[in-house]
C-alpha atoms as a PDB file:
ATOM      1  CA  UNK A   1     105.549  84.366 122.908  1.00  0.00           C
ATOM      2  CA  UNK A   2     106.415  87.815 124.327  1.00  0.00           C
ATOM      3  CA  UNK A   3     108.462  88.578 121.140  1.00  0.00           C
ATOM      4  CA  UNK A   4     105.313  87.988 119.069  1.00  0.00           C
ATOM      5  CA  UNK A   5     103.362  90.514 121.115  1.00  0.00           C
ATOM      6  CA  UNK A   6     106.113  93.110 120.667  1.00  0.00           C
ATOM      7  CA  UNK A   7     106.208  92.590 116.910  1.00  0.00           C
ATOM      8  CA  UNK A   8     102.399  92.694 116.587  1.00  0.00           C
ATOM      9  CA  UNK A   9     102.184  95.841 118.644  1.00  0.00           C
ATOM     10  CA  UNK A  10     104.927  97.530 116.539  1.00  0.00           C
ATOM     11  CA  UNK A  11     103.279  96.554 113.288  1.00  0.00           C
ATOM     12  CA  UNK A  12      99.964  97.808 114.577  1.00  0.00           C
ATOM     13  CA  UNK A  13     101.297 101.195 115.519  1.00  0.00           C
ATOM     14  CA  UNK A  14     103.170 101.380 112.223  1.00  0.00           C
ATOM     15  CA  UNK A  15     100.008 100.671 110.260  1.00  0.00           C
ATOM     16  CA  UNK A  16      98.023 103.158 112.338  1.00  0.00           C
ATOM     17  CA  UNK A  17     100.529 105.903 111.637  1.00  0.00           C
ATOM     18  CA  UNK A  18     100.633 105.216 107.940  1.00  0.00           C
ATOM     19  CA  UNK A  19      96.806 105.334 107.746  1.00  0.00           C
ATOM     20  CA  UNK A  20      96.639 108.441 109.942  1.00  0.00           C
ATOM     21  CA  UNK A  21      99.203 110.185 107.706  1.00  0.00           C
ATOM     22  CA  UNK A  22      97.182 109.234 104.579  1.00  0.00           C
ATOM     23  CA  UNK A  23      93.955 110.496 106.084  1.00  0.00           C
ATOM     24  CA  UNK A  24      95.511 113.702 107.496  1.00  0.00           C
ATOM     25  CA  UNK A  25      97.017 114.589 104.184  1.00  0.00           C
ATOM     26  CA  UNK A  26      93.787 113.977 102.339  1.00  0.00           C
ATOM     27  CA  UNK A  27      91.655 115.985 104.757  1.00  0.00           C
ATOM     28  CA  UNK A  28      94.010 118.957 105.146  1.00  0.00           C
ATOM     29  CA  UNK A  29      95.268 118.987 101.518  1.00  0.00           C
ATOM     30  CA  UNK A  30      98.720 119.154 102.940  1.00  0.00           C
ATOM     31  CA  UNK A  31     101.800 116.975 102.266  1.00  0.00           C
ATOM     32  CA  UNK A  32     103.695 116.072 105.295  1.00  0.00           C
ATOM     33  CA  UNK A  33     107.306 117.309 105.598  1.00  0.00           C
ATOM     34  CA  UNK A  34     110.232 115.084 106.490  1.00  0.00           C
ATOM     35  CA  UNK A  35     113.287 116.925 107.731  1.00  0.00           C
ATOM     36  CA  UNK A  36     115.508 113.913 108.518  1.00  0.00           C
ATOM     37  CA  UNK A  37     115.558 110.347 107.220  1.00  0.00           C
ATOM     38  CA  UNK A  38     116.052 109.165 110.768  1.00  0.00           C
ATOM     39  CA  UNK A  39     112.892 110.618 112.234  1.00  0.00           C
ATOM     40  CA  UNK A  40     110.431 108.193 113.668  1.00  0.00           C
ATOM     41  CA  UNK A  41     106.880 107.998 112.221  1.00  0.00           C
ATOM     42  CA  UNK A  42     105.502 109.240 115.561  1.00  0.00           C
ATOM     43  CA  UNK A  43     107.795 112.363 115.514  1.00  0.00           C
ATOM     44  CA  UNK A  44     106.717 113.202 111.899  1.00  0.00           C
ATOM     45  CA  UNK A  45     103.050 112.791 112.762  1.00  0.00           C
ATOM     46  CA  UNK A  46     103.406 115.144 115.785  1.00  0.00           C
ATOM     47  CA  UNK A  47     105.342 117.753 113.730  1.00  0.00           C
ATOM     48  CA  UNK A  48     102.850 117.721 110.940  1.00  0.00           C
ATOM     49  CA  UNK A  49      99.521 117.752 112.817  1.00  0.00           C
ATOM     50  CA  UNK A  50     100.294 120.212 115.672  1.00  0.00           C
ATOM     51  CA  UNK A  51     101.023 123.913 115.438  1.00  0.00           C
ATOM     52  CA  UNK A  52     104.437 123.199 117.030  1.00  0.00           C
ATOM     53  CA  UNK A  53     106.310 120.125 117.972  1.00  0.00           C
ATOM     54  CA  UNK A  54     107.210 121.522 121.368  1.00  0.00           C
ATOM     55  CA  UNK A  55     103.569 122.332 122.095  1.00  0.00           C
ATOM     56  CA  UNK A  56     102.605 118.711 121.315  1.00  0.00           C
ATOM     57  CA  UNK A  57     105.272 117.402 123.662  1.00  0.00           C
ATOM     58  CA  UNK A  58     104.162 119.772 126.530  1.00  0.00           C
ATOM     59  CA  UNK A  59     100.560 118.635 126.042  1.00  0.00           C
ATOM     60  CA  UNK A  60     101.466 115.000 126.146  1.00  0.00           C
ATOM     61  CA  UNK A  61     103.574 115.327 129.262  1.00  0.00           C
ATOM     62  CA  UNK A  62     100.933 117.306 131.011  1.00  0.00           C
ATOM     63  CA  UNK A  63      98.419 114.516 130.337  1.00  0.00           C
ATOM     64  CA  UNK A  64     100.833 111.893 131.638  1.00  0.00           C
ATOM     65  CA  UNK A  65     101.586 110.353 128.227  1.00  0.00           C
ATOM     66  CA  UNK A  66     105.036 109.404 126.929  1.00  0.00           C
ATOM     67  CA  UNK A  67     105.551 110.808 123.360  1.00  0.00           C
ATOM     68  CA  UNK A  68     108.997 109.528 122.674  1.00  0.00           C
END
């Protein structure tokens, strides 16, 4: 049963990031950049919606969140 929760959580996060990307591109008239094929969806979202990736990481760690 625990495996099902992990799969559902992963799928939900993946769907959220896909919808977030679509909405962000539409609202900002900006196509997201992908530098590497191996980048995670979360990394791509952070890089394309914040002024700098490092700034996003710092903000998250200050608030107690875990970005990666």
